[in-house]
């Protein structure tokens, strides 16, 4: 049977990818953020996942304002990275877990989620940066991936409760998958930030810490706010917390926090990292 080993939640700021490309991990500006990944590297070495299911948001590489699906699931054999204009190196393709993708898609449709199925899908920094942070080395491809893109750009946005329900439906799909894969869940983006308008540079430390404190033990607390509430609390781009909420749902009901890191600022963003482990992982390690 497939086994969900845990979840990694992290910011995906493109500037992080630039810092990786320039080898700035020990630079005083960047070091507090990169240091948060040392326990994740140790955990991944022990957990040995085969597949990563990633909840993230596309930044115009696949979808733009004229065509914006609420939820889109990749069902490709591989996923190509492309130049987004940030000056980041274009990474080689990521292998897809194609059969598992279709299993998830079929389960989501049967669960009455109207999703967009993408048999060809490019992946941007929201996916490539978290993978590069987790497995350093540009050519490191230890996992096959299932990308799940959420709309965090075009209103009307999905509600936080619907995103949590999406994640829980993905959890049910993974629980019914007969393969023996070890699966890690990713939620990427945020935390609070706004890149434009009158509130450009806005960061809300209190809301960020609220999210970090409640994500593991009480994700329902995060869905008490509407999507518009979250924009007010976290900034227009801080709505990316929807990706974290969906990923938390995919982990299942019981988790244990292994590590967290919170650092301000990274490119006008409240950067955060959290690692949650499932009880089954604990029992296997014991």
C-alpha atoms as a PDB file:
ATOM      1  CA  UNK A   1       0.000   0.000   0.000  1.00  0.00           C
ATOM      2  CA  UNK A   2       1.083   3.585  -0.632  1.00  0.00           C
ATOM      3  CA  UNK A   3       2.265   5.453   2.441  1.00  0.00           C
ATOM      4  CA  UNK A   4       2.127   9.214   3.109  1.00  0.00           C
ATOM      5  CA  UNK A   5       5.314   9.954   5.059  1.00  0.00           C
ATOM      6  CA  UNK A   6       4.736  13.636   5.793  1.00  0.00           C
ATOM      7  CA  UNK A   7       4.432  17.136   4.436  1.00  0.00           C
ATOM      8  CA  UNK A   8       6.792  20.001   3.632  1.00  0.00           C
ATOM      9  CA  UNK A   9       5.427  23.552   3.600  1.00  0.00           C
ATOM     10  CA  UNK A  10       7.629  26.335   2.273  1.00  0.00           C
ATOM     11  CA  UNK A  11       7.799  29.688   0.555  1.00  0.00           C
ATOM     12  CA  UNK A  12       8.602  29.579  -3.153  1.00  0.00           C
ATOM     13  CA  UNK A  13       9.875  33.109  -3.827  1.00  0.00           C
ATOM     14  CA  UNK A  14      11.773  33.214  -7.164  1.00  0.00           C
ATOM     15  CA  UNK A  15      14.582  35.137  -5.459  1.00  0.00           C
ATOM     16  CA  UNK A  16      15.267  31.955  -3.477  1.00  0.00           C
ATOM     17  CA  UNK A  17      15.976  30.189  -6.762  1.00  0.00           C
ATOM     18  CA  UNK A  18      18.345  33.011  -7.682  1.00  0.00           C
ATOM     19  CA  UNK A  19      20.152  32.636  -4.366  1.00  0.00           C
ATOM     20  CA  UNK A  20      20.532  28.889  -4.972  1.00  0.00           C
ATOM     21  CA  UNK A  21      21.916  29.520  -8.462  1.00  0.00           C
ATOM     22  CA  UNK A  22      24.473  31.985  -7.063  1.00  0.00           C
ATOM     23  CA  UNK A  23      25.435  29.810  -4.115  1.00  0.00           C
ATOM     24  CA  UNK A  24      24.322  32.320  -1.485  1.00  0.00           C
ATOM     25  CA  UNK A  25      23.090  29.818   1.100  1.00  0.00           C
ATOM     26  CA  UNK A  26      25.638  31.072   3.666  1.00  0.00           C
ATOM     27  CA  UNK A  27      25.154  34.764   2.860  1.00  0.00           C
ATOM     28  CA  UNK A  28      23.954  36.619   6.001  1.00  0.00           C
ATOM     29  CA  UNK A  29      20.763  37.748   4.236  1.00  0.00           C
ATOM     30  CA  UNK A  30      19.859  34.225   3.134  1.00  0.00           C
ATOM     31  CA  UNK A  31      21.374  31.950   5.772  1.00  0.00           C
ATOM     32  CA  UNK A  32      18.508  32.177   8.331  1.00  0.00           C
ATOM     33  CA  UNK A  33      16.105  30.914   5.678  1.00  0.00           C
ATOM     34  CA  UNK A  34      18.283  28.156   4.222  1.00  0.00           C
ATOM     35  CA  UNK A  35      19.219  26.908   7.699  1.00  0.00           C
ATOM     36  CA  UNK A  36      15.577  25.955   8.153  1.00  0.00           C
ATOM     37  CA  UNK A  37      16.038  23.195   5.593  1.00  0.00           C
ATOM     38  CA  UNK A  38      18.778  21.283   7.422  1.00  0.00           C
ATOM     39  CA  UNK A  39      16.276  19.225   9.490  1.00  0.00           C
ATOM     40  CA  UNK A  40      14.205  18.634   6.351  1.00  0.00           C
ATOM     41  CA  UNK A  41      17.241  17.234   4.531  1.00  0.00           C
ATOM     42  CA  UNK A  42      17.895  14.832   7.404  1.00  0.00           C
ATOM     43  CA  UNK A  43      14.242  13.825   7.540  1.00  0.00           C
ATOM     44  CA  UNK A  44      14.043  13.188   3.785  1.00  0.00           C
ATOM     45  CA  UNK A  45      17.155  11.010   3.925  1.00  0.00           C
ATOM     46  CA  UNK A  46      15.391   8.831   6.506  1.00  0.00           C
ATOM     47  CA  UNK A  47      11.853   8.959   5.037  1.00  0.00           C
ATOM     48  CA  UNK A  48      13.001   8.135   1.456  1.00  0.00           C
ATOM     49  CA  UNK A  49       9.889   9.281  -0.463  1.00  0.00           C
ATOM     50  CA  UNK A  50       9.395   8.076  -4.044  1.00  0.00           C
ATOM     51  CA  UNK A  51       6.672  10.548  -5.057  1.00  0.00           C
ATOM     52  CA  UNK A  52       5.936  14.186  -4.251  1.00  0.00           C
ATOM     53  CA  UNK A  53       2.392  15.539  -4.560  1.00  0.00           C
ATOM     54  CA  UNK A  54       2.711  19.321  -4.766  1.00  0.00           C
ATOM     55  CA  UNK A  55      -0.024  21.898  -4.156  1.00  0.00           C
ATOM     56  CA  UNK A  56       1.120  25.191  -5.655  1.00  0.00           C
ATOM     57  CA  UNK A  57      -0.051  28.101  -7.816  1.00  0.00           C
ATOM     58  CA  UNK A  58       0.931  28.788 -11.395  1.00  0.00           C
ATOM     59  CA  UNK A  59       2.307  32.266 -12.178  1.00  0.00           C
ATOM     60  CA  UNK A  60       1.303  32.574 -15.824  1.00  0.00           C
ATOM     61  CA  UNK A  61       3.408  29.761 -17.245  1.00  0.00           C
ATOM     62  CA  UNK A  62       0.334  27.612 -17.958  1.00  0.00           C
ATOM     63  CA  UNK A  63      -2.635  29.776 -17.028  1.00  0.00           C
ATOM     64  CA  UNK A  64      -3.296  33.495 -17.253  1.00  0.00           C
ATOM     65  CA  UNK A  65      -6.213  35.763 -16.370  1.00  0.00           C
ATOM     66  CA  UNK A  66      -8.099  34.836 -19.532  1.00  0.00           C
ATOM     67  CA  UNK A  67      -8.011  31.101 -18.723  1.00  0.00           C
ATOM     68  CA  UNK A  68      -7.705  30.305 -15.018  1.00  0.00           C
ATOM     69  CA  UNK A  69      -8.901  26.931 -13.708  1.00  0.00           C
ATOM     70  CA  UNK A  70      -9.763  26.763 -10.034  1.00  0.00           C
ATOM     71  CA  UNK A  71      -7.985  23.425  -9.614  1.00  0.00           C
ATOM     72  CA  UNK A  72      -5.725  21.747 -12.186  1.00  0.00           C
ATOM     73  CA  UNK A  73      -3.988  18.377 -11.856  1.00  0.00           C
ATOM     74  CA  UNK A  74      -1.032  17.296 -13.961  1.00  0.00           C
ATOM     75  CA  UNK A  75      -1.245  13.919 -15.681  1.00  0.00           C
ATOM     76  CA  UNK A  76       1.979  13.910 -17.694  1.00  0.00           C
ATOM     77  CA  UNK A  77       4.930  11.558 -17.959  1.00  0.00           C
ATOM     78  CA  UNK A  78       7.259  14.530 -17.377  1.00  0.00           C
ATOM     79  CA  UNK A  79       7.048  18.227 -16.600  1.00  0.00           C
ATOM     80  CA  UNK A  80       9.239  20.845 -18.256  1.00  0.00           C
ATOM     81  CA  UNK A  81      10.472  24.000 -16.584  1.00  0.00           C
ATOM     82  CA  UNK A  82      10.572  27.183 -18.666  1.00  0.00           C
ATOM     83  CA  UNK A  83      12.094  30.662 -18.516  1.00  0.00           C
ATOM     84  CA  UNK A  84       9.725  32.921 -16.560  1.00  0.00           C
ATOM     85  CA  UNK A  85      11.821  36.057 -16.939  1.00  0.00           C
ATOM     86  CA  UNK A  86      13.301  35.980 -13.415  1.00  0.00           C
ATOM     87  CA  UNK A  87      16.771  35.054 -14.614  1.00  0.00           C
ATOM     88  CA  UNK A  88      16.572  31.608 -13.016  1.00  0.00           C
ATOM     89  CA  UNK A  89      18.343  28.684 -14.694  1.00  0.00           C
ATOM     90  CA  UNK A  90      15.911  26.472 -16.585  1.00  0.00           C
ATOM     91  CA  UNK A  91      15.912  23.076 -14.910  1.00  0.00           C
ATOM     92  CA  UNK A  92      15.747  19.752 -16.690  1.00  0.00           C
ATOM     93  CA  UNK A  93      12.337  18.014 -16.769  1.00  0.00           C
ATOM     94  CA  UNK A  94      10.831  16.403 -13.688  1.00  0.00           C
ATOM     95  CA  UNK A  95       9.491  12.849 -14.048  1.00  0.00           C
ATOM     96  CA  UNK A  96       5.771  12.458 -13.451  1.00  0.00           C
ATOM     97  CA  UNK A  97       3.899   9.774 -11.517  1.00  0.00           C
ATOM     98  CA  UNK A  98       1.466   9.442 -14.390  1.00  0.00           C
ATOM     99  CA  UNK A  99      -0.591   6.462 -13.218  1.00  0.00           C
ATOM    100  CA  UNK A 100      -0.994   7.930  -9.737  1.00  0.00           C
ATOM    101  CA  UNK A 101      -2.050  11.256 -11.266  1.00  0.00           C
ATOM    102  CA  UNK A 102      -4.872   9.557 -13.143  1.00  0.00           C
ATOM    103  CA  UNK A 103      -5.939   7.720 -10.010  1.00  0.00           C
ATOM    104  CA  UNK A 104      -6.140  11.039  -8.135  1.00  0.00           C
ATOM    105  CA  UNK A 105      -8.004  12.685 -11.012  1.00  0.00           C
ATOM    106  CA  UNK A 106     -10.564   9.895 -11.211  1.00  0.00           C
ATOM    107  CA  UNK A 107     -11.121  10.011  -7.460  1.00  0.00           C
ATOM    108  CA  UNK A 108     -11.512  13.818  -7.446  1.00  0.00           C
ATOM    109  CA  UNK A 109     -14.070  13.742 -10.248  1.00  0.00           C
ATOM    110  CA  UNK A 110     -15.961  10.942  -8.473  1.00  0.00           C
ATOM    111  CA  UNK A 111     -15.880  13.177  -5.375  1.00  0.00           C
ATOM    112  CA  UNK A 112     -17.558  15.935  -7.423  1.00  0.00           C
ATOM    113  CA  UNK A 113     -14.532  18.201  -7.858  1.00  0.00           C
ATOM    114  CA  UNK A 114     -14.649  19.854 -11.279  1.00  0.00           C
ATOM    115  CA  UNK A 115     -10.961  19.935 -12.136  1.00  0.00           C
ATOM    116  CA  UNK A 116      -8.843  20.658 -15.180  1.00  0.00           C
ATOM    117  CA  UNK A 117      -6.734  17.705 -16.334  1.00  0.00           C
ATOM    118  CA  UNK A 118      -3.377  18.631 -17.869  1.00  0.00           C
ATOM    119  CA  UNK A 119      -1.657  15.950 -19.915  1.00  0.00           C
ATOM    120  CA  UNK A 120       0.950  18.560 -20.813  1.00  0.00           C
ATOM    121  CA  UNK A 121       1.997  21.025 -18.124  1.00  0.00           C
ATOM    122  CA  UNK A 122       4.960  23.342 -17.594  1.00  0.00           C
ATOM    123  CA  UNK A 123       6.123  23.969 -14.037  1.00  0.00           C
ATOM    124  CA  UNK A 124       7.373  27.277 -12.656  1.00  0.00           C
ATOM    125  CA  UNK A 125       9.274  28.481  -9.589  1.00  0.00           C
ATOM    126  CA  UNK A 126       6.375  27.646  -7.273  1.00  0.00           C
ATOM    127  CA  UNK A 127       7.246  23.990  -7.816  1.00  0.00           C
ATOM    128  CA  UNK A 128      10.908  24.008  -8.836  1.00  0.00           C
ATOM    129  CA  UNK A 129      12.175  26.144  -5.925  1.00  0.00           C
ATOM    130  CA  UNK A 130      10.684  23.915  -3.175  1.00  0.00           C
ATOM    131  CA  UNK A 131      12.104  20.811  -4.838  1.00  0.00           C
ATOM    132  CA  UNK A 132      15.528  22.433  -5.184  1.00  0.00           C
ATOM    133  CA  UNK A 133      15.422  23.463  -1.534  1.00  0.00           C
ATOM    134  CA  UNK A 134      14.488  19.966  -0.422  1.00  0.00           C
ATOM    135  CA  UNK A 135      16.972  18.067  -2.584  1.00  0.00           C
ATOM    136  CA  UNK A 136      19.931  20.385  -3.300  1.00  0.00           C
ATOM    137  CA  UNK A 137      21.596  19.848  -6.638  1.00  0.00           C
ATOM    138  CA  UNK A 138      20.252  20.989  -9.999  1.00  0.00           C
ATOM    139  CA  UNK A 139      20.160  17.460 -11.449  1.00  0.00           C
ATOM    140  CA  UNK A 140      18.777  15.705  -8.382  1.00  0.00           C
ATOM    141  CA  UNK A 141      15.520  13.911  -9.260  1.00  0.00           C
ATOM    142  CA  UNK A 142      14.825  11.486  -6.380  1.00  0.00           C
ATOM    143  CA  UNK A 143      11.021  11.646  -6.701  1.00  0.00           C
ATOM    144  CA  UNK A 144       8.357  11.528  -9.368  1.00  0.00           C
ATOM    145  CA  UNK A 145       5.814  14.304  -9.050  1.00  0.00           C
ATOM    146  CA  UNK A 146       2.085  15.001  -9.178  1.00  0.00           C
ATOM    147  CA  UNK A 147       1.512  18.783  -9.542  1.00  0.00           C
ATOM    148  CA  UNK A 148      -1.812  20.226  -8.362  1.00  0.00           C
ATOM    149  CA  UNK A 149      -2.268  23.922  -9.185  1.00  0.00           C
ATOM    150  CA  UNK A 150      -4.730  26.127  -7.303  1.00  0.00           C
ATOM    151  CA  UNK A 151      -6.044  29.489  -8.453  1.00  0.00           C
ATOM    152  CA  UNK A 152      -4.693  32.167  -6.113  1.00  0.00           C
ATOM    153  CA  UNK A 153      -4.818  34.974  -8.689  1.00  0.00           C
ATOM    154  CA  UNK A 154      -8.157  35.479 -10.398  1.00  0.00           C
ATOM    155  CA  UNK A 155     -11.290  36.242  -8.390  1.00  0.00           C
ATOM    156  CA  UNK A 156     -13.489  34.505  -7.471  1.00  0.00           C
ATOM    157  CA  UNK A 157     -10.918  32.505  -5.522  1.00  0.00           C
ATOM    158  CA  UNK A 158     -11.661  29.065  -4.105  1.00  0.00           C
ATOM    159  CA  UNK A 159     -12.695  29.170  -0.472  1.00  0.00           C
ATOM    160  CA  UNK A 160     -10.224  27.943   2.150  1.00  0.00           C
ATOM    161  CA  UNK A 161     -12.738  25.276   3.214  1.00  0.00           C
ATOM    162  CA  UNK A 162     -12.989  24.024  -0.373  1.00  0.00           C
ATOM    163  CA  UNK A 163      -9.184  23.835  -0.578  1.00  0.00           C
ATOM    164  CA  UNK A 164      -9.070  21.815   2.639  1.00  0.00           C
ATOM    165  CA  UNK A 165     -11.742  19.514   1.221  1.00  0.00           C
ATOM    166  CA  UNK A 166      -9.705  19.144  -1.974  1.00  0.00           C
ATOM    167  CA  UNK A 167      -6.684  18.075   0.033  1.00  0.00           C
ATOM    168  CA  UNK A 168      -8.723  15.597   2.031  1.00  0.00           C
ATOM    169  CA  UNK A 169     -10.085  14.108  -1.179  1.00  0.00           C
ATOM    170  CA  UNK A 170      -6.511  13.724  -2.442  1.00  0.00           C
ATOM    171  CA  UNK A 171      -5.681  11.985   0.852  1.00  0.00           C
ATOM    172  CA  UNK A 172      -8.523   9.539   0.261  1.00  0.00           C
ATOM    173  CA  UNK A 173      -7.257   8.916  -3.269  1.00  0.00           C
ATOM    174  CA  UNK A 174      -3.757   8.196  -1.987  1.00  0.00           C
ATOM    175  CA  UNK A 175      -5.149   5.908   0.711  1.00  0.00           C
ATOM    176  CA  UNK A 176      -6.876   3.829  -1.967  1.00  0.00           C
ATOM    177  CA  UNK A 177      -3.829   3.653  -4.268  1.00  0.00           C
ATOM    178  CA  UNK A 178      -2.551   0.048  -4.363  1.00  0.00           C
ATOM    179  CA  UNK A 179       1.074   0.926  -5.123  1.00  0.00           C
ATOM    180  CA  UNK A 180       3.901   0.744  -2.596  1.00  0.00           C
ATOM    181  CA  UNK A 181       5.136   4.323  -3.080  1.00  0.00           C
ATOM    182  CA  UNK A 182       6.251   6.480  -0.182  1.00  0.00           C
ATOM    183  CA  UNK A 183       4.624   9.874  -0.747  1.00  0.00           C
ATOM    184  CA  UNK A 184       5.560  13.323   0.537  1.00  0.00           C
ATOM    185  CA  UNK A 185       3.082  16.203   0.291  1.00  0.00           C
ATOM    186  CA  UNK A 186       4.169  19.780  -0.471  1.00  0.00           C
ATOM    187  CA  UNK A 187       2.315  23.031   0.143  1.00  0.00           C
ATOM    188  CA  UNK A 188       4.137  26.020  -1.354  1.00  0.00           C
ATOM    189  CA  UNK A 189       3.876  29.804  -1.298  1.00  0.00           C
ATOM    190  CA  UNK A 190       3.581  32.709   1.122  1.00  0.00           C
ATOM    191  CA  UNK A 191       3.398  33.480   3.847  1.00  0.00           C
ATOM    192  CA  UNK A 192       2.085  37.053   4.111  1.00  0.00           C
ATOM    193  CA  UNK A 193       3.164  39.377   1.326  1.00  0.00           C
ATOM    194  CA  UNK A 194       1.865  41.905  -1.167  1.00  0.00           C
ATOM    195  CA  UNK A 195       3.938  42.873  -4.170  1.00  0.00           C
ATOM    196  CA  UNK A 196       1.947  45.771  -5.587  1.00  0.00           C
ATOM    197  CA  UNK A 197      -0.589  48.480  -4.849  1.00  0.00           C
ATOM    198  CA  UNK A 198      -0.902  50.708  -1.792  1.00  0.00           C
ATOM    199  CA  UNK A 199       0.046  47.864   0.562  1.00  0.00           C
ATOM    200  CA  UNK A 200       3.163  46.750  -1.332  1.00  0.00           C
ATOM    201  CA  UNK A 201       5.590  45.280   1.187  1.00  0.00           C
ATOM    202  CA  UNK A 202       2.817  44.372   3.636  1.00  0.00           C
ATOM    203  CA  UNK A 203       3.684  41.588   6.125  1.00  0.00           C
ATOM    204  CA  UNK A 204       1.498  40.378   9.008  1.00  0.00           C
ATOM    205  CA  UNK A 205       3.616  38.463  11.533  1.00  0.00           C
ATOM    206  CA  UNK A 206       0.662  37.769  13.816  1.00  0.00           C
ATOM    207  CA  UNK A 207      -1.337  36.083  11.049  1.00  0.00           C
ATOM    208  CA  UNK A 208       1.692  34.129   9.856  1.00  0.00           C
ATOM    209  CA  UNK A 209       2.331  32.767  13.344  1.00  0.00           C
ATOM    210  CA  UNK A 210      -1.361  31.952  13.675  1.00  0.00           C
ATOM    211  CA  UNK A 211      -1.068  29.842  10.505  1.00  0.00           C
ATOM    212  CA  UNK A 212       2.093  28.103  11.697  1.00  0.00           C
ATOM    213  CA  UNK A 213       0.622  27.383  15.127  1.00  0.00           C
ATOM    214  CA  UNK A 214      -2.668  25.951  13.840  1.00  0.00           C
ATOM    215  CA  UNK A 215      -1.750  24.273  10.546  1.00  0.00           C
ATOM    216  CA  UNK A 216      -0.782  20.974  12.122  1.00  0.00           C
ATOM    217  CA  UNK A 217      -3.131  20.516  15.090  1.00  0.00           C
ATOM    218  CA  UNK A 218      -6.153  22.541  13.945  1.00  0.00           C
ATOM    219  CA  UNK A 219      -6.314  23.314  10.205  1.00  0.00           C
ATOM    220  CA  UNK A 220     -10.006  24.152  10.602  1.00  0.00           C
ATOM    221  CA  UNK A 221      -8.906  27.388  12.296  1.00  0.00           C
ATOM    222  CA  UNK A 222      -7.382  28.548   9.011  1.00  0.00           C
ATOM    223  CA  UNK A 223     -10.603  28.009   7.073  1.00  0.00           C
ATOM    224  CA  UNK A 224     -12.629  30.165   9.475  1.00  0.00           C
ATOM    225  CA  UNK A 225     -11.458  33.084   7.331  1.00  0.00           C
ATOM    226  CA  UNK A 226     -12.821  33.597   3.826  1.00  0.00           C
ATOM    227  CA  UNK A 227     -10.477  34.060   0.876  1.00  0.00           C
ATOM    228  CA  UNK A 228     -11.183  37.811   0.968  1.00  0.00           C
ATOM    229  CA  UNK A 229     -10.447  37.840   4.709  1.00  0.00           C
ATOM    230  CA  UNK A 230      -7.068  36.220   4.014  1.00  0.00           C
ATOM    231  CA  UNK A 231      -6.225  38.814   1.370  1.00  0.00           C
ATOM    232  CA  UNK A 232      -6.926  41.475   3.998  1.00  0.00           C
ATOM    233  CA  UNK A 233      -4.920  39.656   6.670  1.00  0.00           C
ATOM    234  CA  UNK A 234      -1.992  38.410   4.594  1.00  0.00           C
ATOM    235  CA  UNK A 235      -1.821  40.575   1.464  1.00  0.00           C
ATOM    236  CA  UNK A 236      -2.928  39.844  -2.068  1.00  0.00           C
ATOM    237  CA  UNK A 237      -0.181  37.266  -2.600  1.00  0.00           C
ATOM    238  CA  UNK A 238      -0.498  35.941   0.938  1.00  0.00           C
ATOM    239  CA  UNK A 239      -3.577  34.103  -0.330  1.00  0.00           C
ATOM    240  CA  UNK A 240      -1.069  31.414  -1.348  1.00  0.00           C
ATOM    241  CA  UNK A 241      -1.758  29.967   2.120  1.00  0.00           C
ATOM    242  CA  UNK A 242      -4.551  28.141   0.245  1.00  0.00           C
ATOM    243  CA  UNK A 243      -1.840  25.811  -1.079  1.00  0.00           C
ATOM    244  CA  UNK A 244      -0.726  25.034   2.472  1.00  0.00           C
ATOM    245  CA  UNK A 245      -4.318  24.405   3.556  1.00  0.00           C
ATOM    246  CA  UNK A 246      -4.920  21.947   0.709  1.00  0.00           C
ATOM    247  CA  UNK A 247      -1.631  20.168   1.376  1.00  0.00           C
ATOM    248  CA  UNK A 248      -2.493  19.876   5.076  1.00  0.00           C
ATOM    249  CA  UNK A 249      -5.752  18.193   4.136  1.00  0.00           C
ATOM    250  CA  UNK A 250      -3.863  15.660   2.036  1.00  0.00           C
ATOM    251  CA  UNK A 251      -1.785  14.568   5.033  1.00  0.00           C
ATOM    252  CA  UNK A 252      -4.714  13.102   6.935  1.00  0.00           C
ATOM    253  CA  UNK A 253      -6.012  13.930  10.403  1.00  0.00           C
ATOM    254  CA  UNK A 254      -3.003  13.224  12.614  1.00  0.00           C
ATOM    255  CA  UNK A 255       0.425  14.808  12.255  1.00  0.00           C
ATOM    256  CA  UNK A 256       3.393  15.758  14.404  1.00  0.00           C
ATOM    257  CA  UNK A 257       5.435  18.909  13.866  1.00  0.00           C
ATOM    258  CA  UNK A 258       9.105  18.106  13.275  1.00  0.00           C
ATOM    259  CA  UNK A 259      10.487  21.546  12.499  1.00  0.00           C
ATOM    260  CA  UNK A 260       9.543  25.088  11.555  1.00  0.00           C
ATOM    261  CA  UNK A 261      11.379  28.226  10.481  1.00  0.00           C
ATOM    262  CA  UNK A 262      10.118  31.781  10.056  1.00  0.00           C
ATOM    263  CA  UNK A 263      12.256  34.587   8.617  1.00  0.00           C
ATOM    264  CA  UNK A 264      11.513  38.176   7.565  1.00  0.00           C
ATOM    265  CA  UNK A 265      11.994  39.309   4.908  1.00  0.00           C
ATOM    266  CA  UNK A 266      12.899  37.431   1.773  1.00  0.00           C
ATOM    267  CA  UNK A 267      12.198  39.749  -1.138  1.00  0.00           C
ATOM    268  CA  UNK A 268       9.382  41.545   0.765  1.00  0.00           C
ATOM    269  CA  UNK A 269       7.908  38.178   1.770  1.00  0.00           C
ATOM    270  CA  UNK A 270       7.489  36.534   5.146  1.00  0.00           C
ATOM    271  CA  UNK A 271       9.350  33.315   4.383  1.00  0.00           C
ATOM    272  CA  UNK A 272       8.422  30.194   6.309  1.00  0.00           C
ATOM    273  CA  UNK A 273       9.153  26.487   6.332  1.00  0.00           C
ATOM    274  CA  UNK A 274       7.416  23.710   8.235  1.00  0.00           C
ATOM    275  CA  UNK A 275       7.788  19.923   8.326  1.00  0.00           C
ATOM    276  CA  UNK A 276       4.901  17.740   9.504  1.00  0.00           C
ATOM    277  CA  UNK A 277       5.217  13.994   9.924  1.00  0.00           C
ATOM    278  CA  UNK A 278       2.485  11.362   9.915  1.00  0.00           C
ATOM    279  CA  UNK A 279       2.047   8.895  12.795  1.00  0.00           C
ATOM    280  CA  UNK A 280       2.712   5.958  10.465  1.00  0.00           C
ATOM    281  CA  UNK A 281       6.167   7.399   9.772  1.00  0.00           C
ATOM    282  CA  UNK A 282       6.809   7.548  13.499  1.00  0.00           C
ATOM    283  CA  UNK A 283       5.868   3.906  13.978  1.00  0.00           C
ATOM    284  CA  UNK A 284       8.025   2.784  11.066  1.00  0.00           C
ATOM    285  CA  UNK A 285      10.983   4.730  12.438  1.00  0.00           C
ATOM    286  CA  UNK A 286      10.503   3.286  15.926  1.00  0.00           C
END
